[in-house]
Amino acid sequence: MSGKIKVTLKKSTAGQLKNIQQSVRGLGLRRIGHTVEVLDTAPNRGMIRTATHLVVVEKA
């Protein structure tokens, strides 16, 4: 696990559990369609796994 990955928010966090909303914000995603590059680390992978149904992940 090294390098960066691109994470894009594809669905709204409205109506989701608080921990899912916090994971999305923790990744730096603000609005639908927003894409960020994050380091490929275990904590980031955990946040992505929590919100996997809301985000799209690809290699940077």
PDB file of N, CA and C in Angstrom:
ATOM      1  N   MET A   1       0.824  -1.170   0.000  1.00  0.00           N
ATOM      2  CA  MET A   1       0.000   0.000   0.000  1.00  0.00           C
ATOM      3  C   MET A   1       0.880   1.250   0.000  1.00  0.00           C
ATOM      4  N   SER A   2       0.954   1.866  -1.125  1.00  0.00           N
ATOM      5  CA  SER A   2       1.671   3.133  -1.199  1.00  0.00           C
ATOM      6  C   SER A   2       1.100   3.927  -2.352  1.00  0.00           C
ATOM      7  N   GLY A   3       1.454   5.175  -2.434  1.00  0.00           N
ATOM      8  CA  GLY A   3       0.933   6.008  -3.500  1.00  0.00           C
ATOM      9  C   GLY A   3      -0.364   6.663  -3.112  1.00  0.00           C
ATOM     10  N   LYS A   4      -1.089   7.081  -4.120  1.00  0.00           N
ATOM     11  CA  LYS A   4      -2.345   7.791  -3.898  1.00  0.00           C
ATOM     12  C   LYS A   4      -3.482   7.110  -4.645  1.00  0.00           C
ATOM     13  N   ILE A   5      -4.689   7.363  -4.165  1.00  0.00           N
ATOM     14  CA  ILE A   5      -5.892   6.889  -4.833  1.00  0.00           C
ATOM     15  C   ILE A   5      -6.871   8.051  -4.952  1.00  0.00           C
ATOM     16  N   LYS A   6      -7.686   8.017  -6.003  1.00  0.00           N
ATOM     17  CA  LYS A   6      -8.717   9.034  -6.209  1.00  0.00           C
ATOM     18  C   LYS A   6     -10.029   8.510  -5.659  1.00  0.00           C
ATOM     19  N   VAL A   7     -10.708   9.344  -4.903  1.00  0.00           N
ATOM     20  CA  VAL A   7     -12.002   8.990  -4.332  1.00  0.00           C
ATOM     21  C   VAL A   7     -13.005  10.050  -4.759  1.00  0.00           C
ATOM     22  N   THR A   8     -14.136   9.602  -5.331  1.00  0.00           N
ATOM     23  CA  THR A   8     -15.180  10.507  -5.796  1.00  0.00           C
ATOM     24  C   THR A   8     -16.486  10.178  -5.090  1.00  0.00           C
ATOM     25  N   LEU A   9     -17.147  11.210  -4.574  1.00  0.00           N
ATOM     26  CA  LEU A   9     -18.449  11.026  -3.933  1.00  0.00           C
ATOM     27  C   LEU A   9     -19.526  10.989  -5.014  1.00  0.00           C
ATOM     28  N   LYS A  10     -20.259   9.883  -5.089  1.00  0.00           N
ATOM     29  CA  LYS A  10     -21.276   9.708  -6.131  1.00  0.00           C
ATOM     30  C   LYS A  10     -22.709   9.813  -5.618  1.00  0.00           C
ATOM     31  N   LYS A  11     -22.904   9.615  -4.313  1.00  0.00           N
ATOM     32  CA  LYS A  11     -24.242   9.696  -3.741  1.00  0.00           C
ATOM     33  C   LYS A  11     -24.207  10.563  -2.490  1.00  0.00           C
ATOM     34  N   SER A  12     -25.336  11.104  -2.128  1.00  0.00           N
ATOM     35  CA  SER A  12     -25.453  11.983  -0.973  1.00  0.00           C
ATOM     36  C   SER A  12     -25.308  11.202   0.334  1.00  0.00           C
ATOM     37  N   THR A  13     -24.825  11.894   1.355  1.00  0.00           N
ATOM     38  CA  THR A  13     -24.717  11.286   2.675  1.00  0.00           C
ATOM     39  C   THR A  13     -25.974  11.508   3.510  1.00  0.00           C
ATOM     40  N   ALA A  14     -26.951  12.225   2.969  1.00  0.00           N
ATOM     41  CA  ALA A  14     -28.189  12.488   3.697  1.00  0.00           C
ATOM     42  C   ALA A  14     -28.883  11.171   4.045  1.00  0.00           C
ATOM     43  N   GLY A  15     -29.281  11.038   5.283  1.00  0.00           N
ATOM     44  CA  GLY A  15     -29.975   9.840   5.726  1.00  0.00           C
ATOM     45  C   GLY A  15     -29.057   8.703   6.120  1.00  0.00           C
ATOM     46  N   GLN A  16     -27.752   8.882   6.001  1.00  0.00           N
ATOM     47  CA  GLN A  16     -26.795   7.841   6.371  1.00  0.00           C
ATOM     48  C   GLN A  16     -26.486   7.935   7.866  1.00  0.00           C
ATOM     49  N   LEU A  17     -25.932   6.870   8.409  1.00  0.00           N
ATOM     50  CA  LEU A  17     -25.506   6.886   9.800  1.00  0.00           C
ATOM     51  C   LEU A  17     -24.399   7.913   9.998  1.00  0.00           C
ATOM     52  N   LYS A  18     -24.271   8.395  11.223  1.00  0.00           N
ATOM     53  CA  LYS A  18     -23.301   9.446  11.532  1.00  0.00           C
ATOM     54  C   LYS A  18     -21.863   9.012  11.219  1.00  0.00           C
ATOM     55  N   ASN A  19     -21.512   7.741  11.483  1.00  0.00           N
ATOM     56  CA  ASN A  19     -20.145   7.308  11.227  1.00  0.00           C
ATOM     57  C   ASN A  19     -19.828   7.275   9.726  1.00  0.00           C
ATOM     58  N   ILE A  20     -20.816   7.026   8.902  1.00  0.00           N
ATOM     59  CA  ILE A  20     -20.610   7.054   7.452  1.00  0.00           C
ATOM     60  C   ILE A  20     -20.410   8.491   6.991  1.00  0.00           C
ATOM     61  N   GLN A  21     -21.227   9.407   7.496  1.00  0.00           N
ATOM     62  CA  GLN A  21     -21.077  10.824   7.155  1.00  0.00           C
ATOM     63  C   GLN A  21     -19.710  11.342   7.579  1.00  0.00           C
ATOM     64  N   GLN A  22     -19.247  10.947   8.752  1.00  0.00           N
ATOM     65  CA  GLN A  22     -17.952  11.406   9.248  1.00  0.00           C
ATOM     66  C   GLN A  22     -16.802  10.815   8.443  1.00  0.00           C
ATOM     67  N   SER A  23     -16.948   9.596   7.979  1.00  0.00           N
ATOM     68  CA  SER A  23     -15.913   8.981   7.147  1.00  0.00           C
ATOM     69  C   SER A  23     -15.774   9.720   5.824  1.00  0.00           C
ATOM     70  N   VAL A  24     -16.900  10.087   5.230  1.00  0.00           N
ATOM     71  CA  VAL A  24     -16.872  10.825   3.962  1.00  0.00           C
ATOM     72  C   VAL A  24     -16.205  12.178   4.168  1.00  0.00           C
ATOM     73  N   ARG A  25     -16.558  12.879   5.243  1.00  0.00           N
ATOM     74  CA  ARG A  25     -15.936  14.174   5.536  1.00  0.00           C
ATOM     75  C   ARG A  25     -14.453  14.005   5.869  1.00  0.00           C
ATOM     76  N   GLY A  26     -14.113  12.920   6.541  1.00  0.00           N
ATOM     77  CA  GLY A  26     -12.723  12.651   6.892  1.00  0.00           C
ATOM     78  C   GLY A  26     -11.840  12.439   5.671  1.00  0.00           C
ATOM     79  N   LEU A  27     -12.427  11.948   4.605  1.00  0.00           N
ATOM     80  CA  LEU A  27     -11.694  11.777   3.353  1.00  0.00           C
ATOM     81  C   LEU A  27     -11.533  13.103   2.623  1.00  0.00           C
ATOM     82  N   GLY A  28     -12.278  14.123   3.049  1.00  0.00           N
ATOM     83  CA  GLY A  28     -12.175  15.439   2.427  1.00  0.00           C
ATOM     84  C   GLY A  28     -13.216  15.689   1.359  1.00  0.00           C
ATOM     85  N   LEU A  29     -14.202  14.819   1.259  1.00  0.00           N
ATOM     86  CA  LEU A  29     -15.258  14.972   0.257  1.00  0.00           C
ATOM     87  C   LEU A  29     -16.333  15.907   0.788  1.00  0.00           C
ATOM     88  N   ARG A  30     -16.751  16.858  -0.039  1.00  0.00           N
ATOM     89  CA  ARG A  30     -17.690  17.881   0.404  1.00  0.00           C
ATOM     90  C   ARG A  30     -19.055  17.790  -0.264  1.00  0.00           C
ATOM     91  N   ARG A  31     -19.088  17.465  -1.549  1.00  0.00           N
ATOM     92  CA  ARG A  31     -20.357  17.471  -2.291  1.00  0.00           C
ATOM     93  C   ARG A  31     -20.329  16.369  -3.356  1.00  0.00           C
ATOM     94  N   ILE A  32     -21.487  16.058  -3.891  1.00  0.00           N
ATOM     95  CA  ILE A  32     -21.597  15.022  -4.921  1.00  0.00           C
ATOM     96  C   ILE A  32     -20.759  15.437  -6.128  1.00  0.00           C
ATOM     97  N   GLY A  33     -19.965  14.501  -6.621  1.00  0.00           N
ATOM     98  CA  GLY A  33     -19.114  14.765  -7.770  1.00  0.00           C
ATOM     99  C   GLY A  33     -17.727  15.271  -7.396  1.00  0.00           C
ATOM    100  N   HIS A  34     -17.503  15.559  -6.134  1.00  0.00           N
ATOM    101  CA  HIS A  34     -16.210  16.059  -5.664  1.00  0.00           C
ATOM    102  C   HIS A  34     -15.204  14.904  -5.627  1.00  0.00           C
ATOM    103  N   THR A  35     -14.009  15.124  -6.185  1.00  0.00           N
ATOM    104  CA  THR A  35     -12.960  14.121  -6.221  1.00  0.00           C
ATOM    105  C   THR A  35     -11.750  14.622  -5.448  1.00  0.00           C
ATOM    106  N   VAL A  36     -11.173  13.738  -4.636  1.00  0.00           N
ATOM    107  CA  VAL A  36      -9.952  14.058  -3.900  1.00  0.00           C
ATOM    108  C   VAL A  36      -8.948  12.936  -4.083  1.00  0.00           C
ATOM    109  N   GLU A  37      -7.670  13.278  -3.961  1.00  0.00           N
ATOM    110  CA  GLU A  37      -6.614  12.280  -3.948  1.00  0.00           C
ATOM    111  C   GLU A  37      -6.154  12.127  -2.510  1.00  0.00           C
ATOM    112  N   VAL A  38      -6.154  10.889  -2.013  1.00  0.00           N
ATOM    113  CA  VAL A  38      -5.712  10.614  -0.648  1.00  0.00           C
ATOM    114  C   VAL A  38      -4.624   9.553  -0.694  1.00  0.00           C
ATOM    115  N   LEU A  39      -3.804   9.531   0.340  1.00  0.00           N
ATOM    116  CA  LEU A  39      -2.775   8.509   0.437  1.00  0.00           C
ATOM    117  C   LEU A  39      -3.423   7.148   0.653  1.00  0.00           C
ATOM    118  N   ASP A  40      -2.815   6.136   0.084  1.00  0.00           N
ATOM    119  CA  ASP A  40      -3.327   4.776   0.216  1.00  0.00           C
ATOM    120  C   ASP A  40      -2.816   4.178   1.522  1.00  0.00           C
ATOM    121  N   THR A  41      -3.484   4.534   2.624  1.00  0.00           N
ATOM    122  CA  THR A  41      -3.100   4.047   3.951  1.00  0.00           C
ATOM    123  C   THR A  41      -4.252   3.244   4.547  1.00  0.00           C
ATOM    124  N   ALA A  42      -3.943   2.503   5.593  1.00  0.00           N
ATOM    125  CA  ALA A  42      -4.965   1.684   6.242  1.00  0.00           C
ATOM    126  C   ALA A  42      -6.127   2.517   6.789  1.00  0.00           C
ATOM    127  N   PRO A  43      -5.883   3.651   7.467  1.00  0.00           N
ATOM    128  CA  PRO A  43      -7.025   4.441   7.953  1.00  0.00           C
ATOM    129  C   PRO A  43      -7.915   4.958   6.820  1.00  0.00           C
ATOM    130  N   ASN A  44      -7.311   5.413   5.723  1.00  0.00           N
ATOM    131  CA  ASN A  44      -8.107   5.885   4.588  1.00  0.00           C
ATOM    132  C   ASN A  44      -8.881   4.738   3.957  1.00  0.00           C
ATOM    133  N   ARG A  45      -8.275   3.572   3.850  1.00  0.00           N
ATOM    134  CA  ARG A  45      -8.983   2.408   3.313  1.00  0.00           C
ATOM    135  C   ARG A  45     -10.183   2.050   4.183  1.00  0.00           C
ATOM    136  N   GLY A  46     -10.043   2.200   5.495  1.00  0.00           N
ATOM    137  CA  GLY A  46     -11.153   1.928   6.407  1.00  0.00           C
ATOM    138  C   GLY A  46     -12.307   2.890   6.211  1.00  0.00           C
ATOM    139  N   MET A  47     -12.001   4.170   6.009  1.00  0.00           N
ATOM    140  CA  MET A  47     -13.055   5.161   5.769  1.00  0.00           C
ATOM    141  C   MET A  47     -13.740   4.891   4.435  1.00  0.00           C
ATOM    142  N   ILE A  48     -12.964   4.481   3.439  1.00  0.00           N
ATOM    143  CA  ILE A  48     -13.541   4.145   2.135  1.00  0.00           C
ATOM    144  C   ILE A  48     -14.434   2.920   2.261  1.00  0.00           C
ATOM    145  N   ARG A  49     -13.992   1.926   3.013  1.00  0.00           N
ATOM    146  CA  ARG A  49     -14.779   0.699   3.196  1.00  0.00           C
ATOM    147  C   ARG A  49     -16.101   1.000   3.896  1.00  0.00           C
ATOM    148  N   THR A  50     -16.094   1.941   4.828  1.00  0.00           N
ATOM    149  CA  THR A  50     -17.312   2.328   5.551  1.00  0.00           C
ATOM    150  C   THR A  50     -18.341   2.937   4.605  1.00  0.00           C
ATOM    151  N   ALA A  51     -17.876   3.722   3.646  1.00  0.00           N
ATOM    152  CA  ALA A  51     -18.784   4.439   2.745  1.00  0.00           C
ATOM    153  C   ALA A  51     -18.702   3.901   1.318  1.00  0.00           C
ATOM    154  N   THR A  52     -18.396   2.638   1.159  1.00  0.00           N
ATOM    155  CA  THR A  52     -18.170   2.062  -0.171  1.00  0.00           C
ATOM    156  C   THR A  52     -19.366   2.196  -1.111  1.00  0.00           C
ATOM    157  N   HIS A  53     -20.569   2.273  -0.567  1.00  0.00           N
ATOM    158  CA  HIS A  53     -21.762   2.382  -1.398  1.00  0.00           C
ATOM    159  C   HIS A  53     -22.011   3.816  -1.866  1.00  0.00           C
ATOM    160  N   LEU A  54     -21.213   4.778  -1.371  1.00  0.00           N
ATOM    161  CA  LEU A  54     -21.387   6.182  -1.743  1.00  0.00           C
ATOM    162  C   LEU A  54     -20.248   6.723  -2.616  1.00  0.00           C
ATOM    163  N   VAL A  55     -19.124   6.012  -2.660  1.00  0.00           N
ATOM    164  CA  VAL A  55     -17.934   6.531  -3.323  1.00  0.00           C
ATOM    165  C   VAL A  55     -17.473   5.603  -4.437  1.00  0.00           C
ATOM    166  N   VAL A  56     -16.662   6.184  -5.344  1.00  0.00           N
ATOM    167  CA  VAL A  56     -15.999   5.423  -6.401  1.00  0.00           C
ATOM    168  C   VAL A  56     -14.509   5.638  -6.208  1.00  0.00           C
ATOM    169  N   VAL A  57     -13.740   4.547  -6.281  1.00  0.00           N
ATOM    170  CA  VAL A  57     -12.302   4.604  -6.028  1.00  0.00           C
ATOM    171  C   VAL A  57     -11.558   4.172  -7.289  1.00  0.00           C
ATOM    172  N   GLU A  58     -10.491   4.914  -7.615  1.00  0.00           N
ATOM    173  CA  GLU A  58      -9.622   4.524  -8.725  1.00  0.00           C
ATOM    174  C   GLU A  58      -8.195   4.915  -8.397  1.00  0.00           C
ATOM    175  N   LYS A  59      -7.237   4.284  -9.078  1.00  0.00           N
ATOM    176  CA  LYS A  59      -5.834   4.620  -8.852  1.00  0.00           C
ATOM    177  C   LYS A  59      -5.516   5.990  -9.412  1.00  0.00           C
ATOM    178  N   ALA A  60      -4.651   6.704  -8.701  1.00  0.00           N
ATOM    179  CA  ALA A  60      -4.248   8.045  -9.148  1.00  0.00           C
ATOM    180  C   ALA A  60      -3.008   7.964 -10.029  1.00  0.00           C
TER     181      ALA A  60
END
